[in-house]
Protein backbone atom coordinates (compact mmCIF):
# COMPACT_ATOMS: atom_id res chain seq x y z
CA MET A 1 14.33 23.26 11.55
CA ASN A 2 14.89 21.55 7.87
CA ALA A 3 18.58 22.53 7.84
CA GLU A 4 18.82 20.71 11.39
CA ILE A 5 17.71 17.50 9.50
CA LEU A 6 19.57 17.81 5.96
CA GLY A 7 22.36 20.20 4.71
CA PRO A 8 21.72 22.24 1.69
CA GLU A 9 22.92 19.55 -0.63
CA GLU A 10 21.12 16.93 0.91
CA ALA A 11 18.20 18.51 0.58
CA THR A 12 18.42 19.48 -2.89
CA ARG A 13 19.41 15.97 -4.05
CA ALA A 14 16.39 14.64 -1.67
CA ARG A 15 13.82 16.98 -3.39
CA ARG A 16 14.84 15.96 -6.92
CA TYR A 17 14.75 12.43 -6.05
CA GLN A 18 11.53 12.60 -4.49
CA MET A 19 9.96 14.73 -7.33
CA LYS A 20 11.23 12.40 -9.92
CA ARG A 21 9.76 9.44 -8.03
CA LEU A 22 6.25 11.48 -7.86
CA TRP A 23 6.28 12.32 -11.64
CA LEU A 24 7.02 8.86 -12.41
CA GLY A 25 4.32 7.70 -10.22
CA LEU A 26 1.78 9.81 -12.03
CA ALA A 27 2.69 8.45 -15.29
CA ALA A 28 2.55 4.96 -14.25
CA SER A 29 -0.84 6.01 -12.93
CA VAL A 30 -1.92 7.29 -16.15
CA VAL A 31 -0.83 4.20 -17.38
CA GLY A 32 -2.65 2.17 -15.04
CA PHE A 33 -6.04 3.93 -16.14
CA ALA A 34 -5.47 4.16 -20.15
CA VAL A 35 -4.23 0.42 -20.45
CA PRO A 36 -7.56 -0.99 -19.02
CA ALA A 37 -9.64 1.63 -20.16
CA GLY A 38 -8.10 0.62 -24.00
CA PHE A 39 -8.48 -2.97 -22.96
CA TRP A 40 -12.06 -2.65 -21.95
CA ILE A 41 -13.50 -1.15 -25.16
CA MET A 42 -11.42 -3.30 -27.30
CA ALA A 43 -11.44 -6.53 -26.00
CA PRO A 44 -13.97 -9.00 -27.37
CA GLY A 45 -15.75 -9.91 -24.13
CA GLU A 46 -17.24 -13.12 -25.74
CA TRP A 47 -13.92 -14.66 -26.67
CA PHE A 48 -13.43 -14.91 -22.65
CA ARG A 49 -17.15 -16.39 -22.34
CA GLU A 50 -16.30 -18.89 -24.65
CA ALA A 51 -13.06 -19.83 -23.78
CA GLY A 52 -13.59 -19.95 -20.12
CA GLY A 53 -16.61 -22.25 -20.35
CA SER A 54 -18.18 -20.97 -16.97
CA LEU A 55 -18.99 -17.12 -15.53
CA PHE A 56 -16.24 -17.84 -12.91
CA TRP A 57 -13.29 -18.90 -15.17
CA ALA A 58 -14.35 -16.23 -18.03
CA GLY A 59 -14.06 -13.38 -15.37
CA ALA A 60 -10.71 -14.90 -14.03
CA MET A 61 -9.46 -15.15 -17.61
CA TYR A 62 -10.75 -11.33 -18.50
CA PHE A 63 -8.64 -10.00 -15.28
CA ALA A 64 -5.52 -12.13 -15.86
CA VAL A 65 -4.99 -10.97 -19.48
CA LEU A 66 -5.99 -7.59 -18.17
CA VAL A 67 -3.34 -7.48 -15.69
CA ALA A 68 -0.67 -8.87 -18.03
CA VAL A 69 -1.25 -6.31 -20.57
CA HIS A 70 -1.11 -3.55 -18.02
CA HIS A 71 2.00 -5.00 -16.33
CA ILE A 72 3.33 -5.31 -20.09
CA ALA A 73 3.18 -1.70 -20.66
CA ALA A 74 3.56 -0.19 -17.60
CA PHE A 75 7.03 -2.36 -17.16
CA PRO A 76 9.55 0.60 -18.52
CA LEU A 77 8.30 3.19 -15.76
CA ASP A 78 8.22 0.39 -12.91
CA TYR A 79 12.02 -0.50 -14.11
CA ALA A 80 12.73 3.37 -14.20
CA SER A 81 10.84 4.20 -10.72
CA GLU A 82 11.20 0.94 -8.51
CA PHE A 83 15.12 -0.09 -9.86
CA ARG A 84 16.86 2.49 -11.73
CA LEU A 85 16.16 5.64 -9.96
CA PRO A 86 16.77 4.16 -6.26
CA ARG A 87 20.16 2.70 -8.04
CA SER A 88 21.24 5.89 -9.24
CA VAL A 89 21.07 7.66 -5.65
CA GLY A 90 22.37 4.54 -3.73
CA LEU A 91 19.13 3.49 -2.13
CA SER A 92 18.71 0.29 -3.80
CA ASN A 93 21.03 -2.98 -3.45
CA GLU A 94 18.75 -5.14 -5.24
CA SER A 95 20.42 -6.68 -8.49
CA LEU A 96 18.49 -6.60 -12.17
CA GLY A 97 17.78 -10.10 -11.60
CA GLY A 98 16.56 -10.18 -8.12
CA TRP A 99 14.21 -7.36 -8.93
CA LEU A 100 12.89 -8.79 -11.88
CA LYS A 101 12.49 -11.87 -9.78
CA ASP A 102 10.23 -10.35 -7.30
CA GLN A 103 7.99 -8.45 -10.28
CA GLY A 104 7.24 -12.09 -11.49
CA LYS A 105 6.31 -12.99 -8.20
CA SER A 106 3.90 -10.02 -7.87
CA LEU A 107 2.62 -10.64 -11.16
CA VAL A 108 1.47 -14.31 -10.33
CA LEU A 109 -0.07 -13.45 -7.19
CA ASN A 110 -1.75 -10.28 -8.78
CA ILE A 111 -3.41 -12.86 -11.18
CA LEU A 112 -4.22 -15.67 -9.10
CA ILE A 113 -5.65 -13.34 -5.88
CA GLY A 114 -7.38 -10.83 -8.32
CA GLY A 115 -8.16 -13.55 -10.86
CA ALA A 116 -10.21 -15.40 -7.85
CA VAL A 117 -11.59 -11.85 -7.08
CA ALA A 118 -12.72 -11.14 -10.58
CA GLY A 119 -14.05 -14.67 -11.43
CA ALA A 120 -16.11 -14.47 -7.75
CA LEU A 121 -17.67 -11.03 -8.97
CA ALA A 122 -18.43 -12.01 -12.42
CA GLN A 123 -20.39 -14.77 -10.65
CA ILE A 124 -22.06 -12.77 -8.08
CA MET A 125 -23.20 -10.35 -10.47
CA ALA A 126 -25.17 -12.71 -12.82
CA TRP A 127 -26.55 -14.34 -9.72
CA ARG A 128 -27.88 -11.09 -8.28
CA PRO A 129 -27.91 -8.72 -10.90
CA TYR A 130 -29.78 -5.83 -8.54
CA GLY A 131 -27.99 -6.83 -4.91
CA TRP A 132 -24.25 -7.56 -6.56
CA TRP A 133 -23.21 -4.48 -5.15
CA TRP A 134 -23.91 -5.26 -1.30
CA ILE A 135 -22.95 -8.44 -1.52
CA SER A 136 -19.97 -7.99 -3.10
CA ALA A 137 -19.12 -5.01 -0.84
CA VAL A 138 -19.42 -7.38 2.18
CA LEU A 139 -17.48 -10.23 1.04
CA GLY A 140 -14.68 -7.73 -0.27
CA THR A 141 -14.32 -6.02 3.09
CA VAL A 142 -14.07 -9.73 4.86
CA PHE A 143 -11.79 -10.71 2.28
CA GLY A 144 -9.86 -7.59 2.99
CA ILE A 145 -9.33 -8.69 6.72
CA PHE A 146 -8.63 -11.68 5.94
CA MET A 147 -5.67 -10.56 3.44
CA VAL A 148 -4.38 -8.37 6.39
CA LEU A 149 -4.33 -11.64 8.68
CA VAL A 150 -2.44 -13.76 6.18
CA THR A 151 -0.05 -11.62 4.59
CA PRO A 152 2.51 -11.28 6.94
CA VAL A 153 2.83 -14.84 7.23
CA LEU A 154 2.06 -16.35 3.90
CA ILE A 155 2.75 -13.39 1.54
CA VAL A 156 5.73 -11.15 2.84
CA PRO A 157 8.11 -14.05 3.48
CA LEU A 158 7.81 -14.71 -0.18
CA PHE A 159 9.61 -11.38 -0.74
CA PHE A 160 11.44 -11.37 2.30
CA ARG A 161 13.55 -13.55 4.59
CA PHE A 162 12.91 -13.59 8.47
CA LYS A 163 14.91 -14.72 11.58
CA ARG A 164 14.47 -13.98 15.43
CA ILE A 165 16.64 -10.80 16.63
CA THR A 166 19.65 -12.36 18.57
CA ASN A 167 20.25 -9.26 20.35
CA SER A 168 18.66 -10.19 24.04
CA ASP A 169 19.00 -6.46 25.49
CA LEU A 170 17.02 -4.87 22.31
CA VAL A 171 14.07 -7.66 22.70
CA GLU A 172 14.04 -7.18 26.15
CA ARG A 173 13.63 -3.31 25.50
CA LEU A 174 11.09 -3.95 22.98
CA GLU A 175 9.23 -6.51 24.97
CA ASN A 176 8.99 -4.03 27.97
CA LEU A 177 7.74 -1.24 25.46
CA LEU A 178 4.90 -3.76 24.68
CA VAL A 179 3.86 -4.44 28.00
CA ARG A 180 3.84 -0.53 29.28
CA THR A 181 1.42 0.16 25.98
CA GLY A 182 -0.85 -2.93 26.64
CA SER A 183 0.10 -4.75 23.34
CA ARG A 184 -0.31 -8.42 23.30
CA VAL A 185 2.45 -9.96 20.97
CA ARG A 186 2.33 -13.87 20.59
CA GLY A 187 5.06 -14.15 17.24
CA GLY A 188 7.77 -12.54 18.84
CA VAL A 189 10.22 -9.82 17.51
CA TRP A 190 11.91 -10.45 14.16
CA GLU A 191 14.47 -9.17 11.69
CA MET A 192 13.53 -8.80 8.03
CA ASP A 193 16.53 -8.80 5.41
CA MET A 194 15.65 -5.17 3.81
CA SER A 195 19.00 -4.77 3.11
CA ARG A 196 19.37 -7.06 0.39
CA ARG A 197 17.34 -4.50 -1.64
CA THR A 198 17.36 -0.97 -0.03
CA ARG A 199 18.94 0.77 2.57
CA ALA A 200 16.11 2.19 3.85
CA GLY A 201 14.42 1.67 7.21
CA ASN A 202 11.43 0.47 8.65
CA ALA A 203 9.84 -1.26 11.34
CA ALA A 204 6.19 -2.68 12.15
CA LEU A 205 4.00 -4.25 14.36
CA VAL A 206 1.67 -6.41 11.90
CA GLY A 207 -0.86 -9.21 11.79
CA TRP A 208 -3.62 -9.86 14.36
CA GLY A 209 -3.89 -12.82 17.10
CA PRO A 210 -1.36 -15.86 16.21
CA SER A 211 -0.15 -13.75 13.43
CA ARG A 212 0.70 -10.58 15.22
CA ARG A 213 4.71 -9.99 15.55
CA VAL A 214 7.09 -7.30 15.68
CA VAL A 215 9.16 -7.02 12.56
CA LEU A 216 12.10 -4.47 12.08
CA GLY A 217 14.11 -3.90 9.07
CA ASP A 218 17.99 -5.01 9.32
CA THR A 219 18.51 -1.37 8.22
CA VAL A 220 17.62 0.12 11.46
CA LEU A 221 19.40 -2.44 13.63
CA ASP A 222 22.21 -0.17 13.87
CA TYR A 223 20.09 2.91 15.12
CA ALA A 224 20.25 3.37 18.88
CA PRO A 225 18.15 1.33 20.76
CA GLU A 226 16.11 4.56 21.92
CA GLU A 227 15.59 5.15 18.27
CA ILE A 228 14.15 1.77 17.25
CA GLU A 229 12.09 1.77 20.51
CA ALA A 230 10.35 5.04 19.74
CA ILE A 231 10.13 3.66 15.70
CA LEU A 232 8.10 0.48 17.26
CA ALA A 233 6.14 2.69 19.47
CA HIS A 234 4.75 4.66 16.77
CA GLU A 235 3.93 1.70 14.85
CA ILE A 236 2.40 0.09 18.02
CA ALA A 237 0.22 3.39 18.54
CA HIS A 238 -1.84 2.23 15.44
CA HIS A 239 -2.82 -0.81 16.72
CA VAL A 240 -3.59 1.15 20.09
CA GLY A 241 -5.63 3.54 18.53
CA ASN A 242 -7.51 0.97 16.74
CA HIS A 243 -6.52 2.76 13.49
CA ILE A 244 -6.32 -0.35 11.47
CA TRP A 245 -9.90 -1.21 12.19
CA LEU A 246 -10.90 2.27 11.18
CA LEU A 247 -9.08 2.54 8.14
CA ILE A 248 -10.72 -1.10 7.16
CA ALA A 249 -14.19 0.31 7.91
CA GLY A 250 -13.52 3.50 5.87
CA ARG A 251 -12.32 1.19 3.26
CA GLY A 252 -15.39 -0.83 3.72
CA VAL A 253 -17.67 2.15 3.34
CA SER A 254 -16.22 3.53 0.28
CA LEU A 255 -16.00 0.19 -1.48
CA THR A 256 -19.88 -0.12 -0.66
CA ALA A 257 -20.17 3.52 -1.75
CA GLY A 258 -18.45 3.18 -5.23
CA LEU A 259 -20.06 -0.20 -5.81
CA PHE A 260 -23.42 1.21 -5.55
CA LEU A 261 -22.78 4.12 -7.88
CA ALA A 262 -21.34 1.66 -10.11
CA HIS A 263 -24.30 -0.45 -10.18
CA GLN A 264 -26.47 2.63 -10.59
CA LEU A 265 -24.21 3.93 -13.32
CA PHE A 266 -24.74 0.04 -15.33
CA ARG A 267 -28.36 0.82 -15.61
CA PHE A 268 -28.21 3.28 -18.21
CA PRO A 269 -26.38 1.46 -21.05
CA GLU A 270 -26.72 4.33 -23.49
CA VAL A 271 -23.86 6.26 -21.54
CA PHE A 272 -21.78 3.19 -22.62
CA MET A 273 -23.20 2.96 -26.41
CA SER A 274 -22.26 6.88 -26.70
CA LEU A 275 -18.49 5.85 -25.74
CA GLY A 276 -18.28 3.26 -28.01
CA ALA A 277 -17.96 0.81 -25.04
CA PRO A 278 -19.09 -2.39 -24.32
CA VAL A 279 -22.42 -2.27 -22.13
CA PRO A 280 -21.51 -4.14 -18.75
CA ILE A 281 -23.81 -6.91 -18.74
CA PRO A 282 -24.18 -8.72 -15.34
CA GLY A 283 -21.79 -11.20 -15.06
CA GLY A 284 -20.17 -10.54 -18.45
CA PRO A 285 -16.49 -10.40 -18.38
CA SER A 286 -16.24 -6.91 -19.77
CA SER A 287 -18.14 -5.91 -16.89
CA VAL A 288 -15.02 -6.70 -14.65
CA GLY A 289 -13.21 -4.13 -16.91
CA ALA A 290 -15.94 -1.57 -16.70
CA LEU A 291 -15.62 -1.95 -12.74
CA TRP A 292 -11.70 -1.44 -12.83
CA ILE A 293 -12.38 1.63 -14.50
CA PHE A 294 -15.12 3.10 -12.26
CA MET A 295 -13.61 2.14 -9.31
CA THR A 296 -10.05 3.75 -10.11
CA ILE A 297 -12.03 6.83 -10.82
CA TRP A 298 -13.89 6.42 -7.30
CA GLY A 299 -10.35 6.21 -5.60
CA VAL A 300 -8.64 9.14 -7.55
CA ILE A 301 -11.74 11.17 -6.07
CA LEU A 302 -11.35 9.81 -2.29
CA ALA A 303 -7.86 9.57 -2.27
CA PRO A 304 -7.11 13.38 -0.86
CA PHE A 305 -9.50 12.84 1.80
CA TYR A 306 -8.08 9.68 2.75
CA ARG A 307 -4.38 10.82 2.89
CA ARG A 308 -5.62 13.74 5.05
CA ILE A 309 -6.96 11.28 7.53
CA SER A 310 -3.97 9.26 7.48
CA ARG A 311 -1.69 12.27 8.39
CA ARG A 312 -3.47 13.22 11.11
CA LEU A 313 -3.20 9.64 12.56
CA GLU A 314 0.41 9.43 11.86
CA PHE A 315 0.69 13.03 13.93
CA TRP A 316 -1.21 11.11 16.94
CA CYS A 317 1.12 8.18 16.45
CA ASP A 318 4.13 10.36 17.00
CA ARG A 319 2.89 11.85 19.97
CA PHE A 320 1.99 8.49 21.45
CA ALA A 321 5.84 7.33 20.74
CA ALA A 322 7.05 10.62 22.51
CA SER A 323 4.96 9.84 25.60
CA HIS A 324 6.03 6.30 26.10
CA THR A 325 9.62 6.22 25.10
CA GLY A 326 12.32 9.03 25.39
CA GLY A 327 10.43 11.83 25.14
CA ALA A 328 10.48 14.30 21.85
CA GLU A 329 14.13 13.73 21.43
CA ALA A 330 14.02 10.06 20.62
CA ILE A 331 11.44 9.83 18.28
CA SER A 332 12.90 13.25 16.54
CA SER A 333 15.97 11.67 16.46
CA ALA A 334 14.55 8.28 15.09
CA LEU A 335 12.50 10.34 12.02
CA THR A 336 15.79 12.43 11.52
CA ARG A 337 17.76 9.02 10.26
CA LEU A 338 14.80 7.93 8.73
CA CYS A 339 14.75 10.90 6.45
CA LYS A 340 18.38 10.53 5.71
CA ASN A 341 18.70 7.29 5.23
CA ASN A 342 15.28 7.25 2.96
CA LEU A 343 16.24 10.14 1.09
CA ALA A 344 13.07 11.67 1.82
CA ASP A 345 12.46 15.55 1.58
CA PRO A 346 11.81 16.84 4.79
CA SER A 347 9.57 19.86 3.31
CA PRO A 348 8.04 18.73 0.10
CA PRO A 349 5.56 21.06 -2.08
CA ALA A 350 2.27 21.47 -0.18
CA TRP A 351 0.48 20.20 -3.06
CA ALA A 352 2.18 17.22 -3.30
CA VAL A 353 1.44 16.52 0.19
CA THR A 354 -2.12 17.12 -0.22
CA PHE A 355 -2.58 15.00 -3.11
CA PHE A 356 -0.20 11.96 -2.99
CA HIS A 357 1.38 11.92 0.68
CA THR A 358 -0.06 9.56 3.18
CA HIS A 359 2.57 10.48 5.93
CA PRO A 360 3.03 14.50 6.84
CA PRO A 361 6.45 15.89 5.59
CA LEU A 362 9.36 14.64 8.55
CA GLY A 363 10.38 18.00 9.17
CA GLU A 364 6.76 19.33 10.23
CA ARG A 365 6.29 15.93 12.21
CA ILE A 366 9.80 16.54 14.03
CA ARG A 367 8.51 20.02 14.63
CA ARG A 368 5.05 19.24 16.00
CA VAL A 369 6.18 16.23 18.44
CA ARG A 370 8.64 18.75 19.89
CA GLU A 371 6.41 21.48 20.64
CA THR A 372 3.53 19.23 22.12
CA SER A 373 5.99 16.98 24.26
């Protein structure tokens, strides 16, 4: 099966590229834990309280400085994995100036949005020292839903340009697919200028209600119409199967459980004193750092479980696409093209899939959709 997707040289090249990405990603994760941990232990929490003038601003300033320090420390790895490595294999079309500009935008957004969340968290912890965890979980889940709604129309356009697709035959074909699958889209069919950055392809059905729209990367517009239709059908399946709501609910449950466990741990200051770390005082700026560390660990523990569920949902969406478009051949052909264009490894090591992949290997996806269609 894999030989049908990539030739021996292509497969070797894809394996090397993906493993380099993986190891760079793991190194970035180590930095992403070590830097906040060091900042939490060494940063003078009282300075933020005095400089902020209120619990909200103290928490927001603490988070902003933490993110800036982390960004500086992780910059070499981000440069290697996100800019230099993709360019070395011909996947990236982005200039260094363009990449740096996007990095700056991401940093500003993280500081503004994350700072507001951290400030609110500090305020809530001081306001309700025994019930902050469930209040924060409820508000965090609601905020997550809000971000899903506004990201396609407010955040993504900061990084990509959109225009309506002018190929009337393709638009009609995709609109007929939406009708057949019972998917309601108010925002129309749009093209996103992915080619300015990459030759990798993608398509999506994003947003809810008035913000829901079909988005095709311009890198897939040269695919065969049936391949584009199959890719979109796979994305539609996530909405038809209520996968978005399922994942939001799962994240809400894990967030609630994590915050509850953090609340229980914060009740034992001797644990933090034994580590030489600041004791998380409800509303204190350092509690933001402590929570960052704890939730990072909690996320690592849950990651294999969530990724396994995600892979199962992807298989379901492939079968849905096959049954609502041109059968197994259309989705198989689309996945093969995505594998080649994205330089994906069709058969990565099992341990890498278990711990790090949200999508099943493309070789296995193609095999399964052919067997079940």
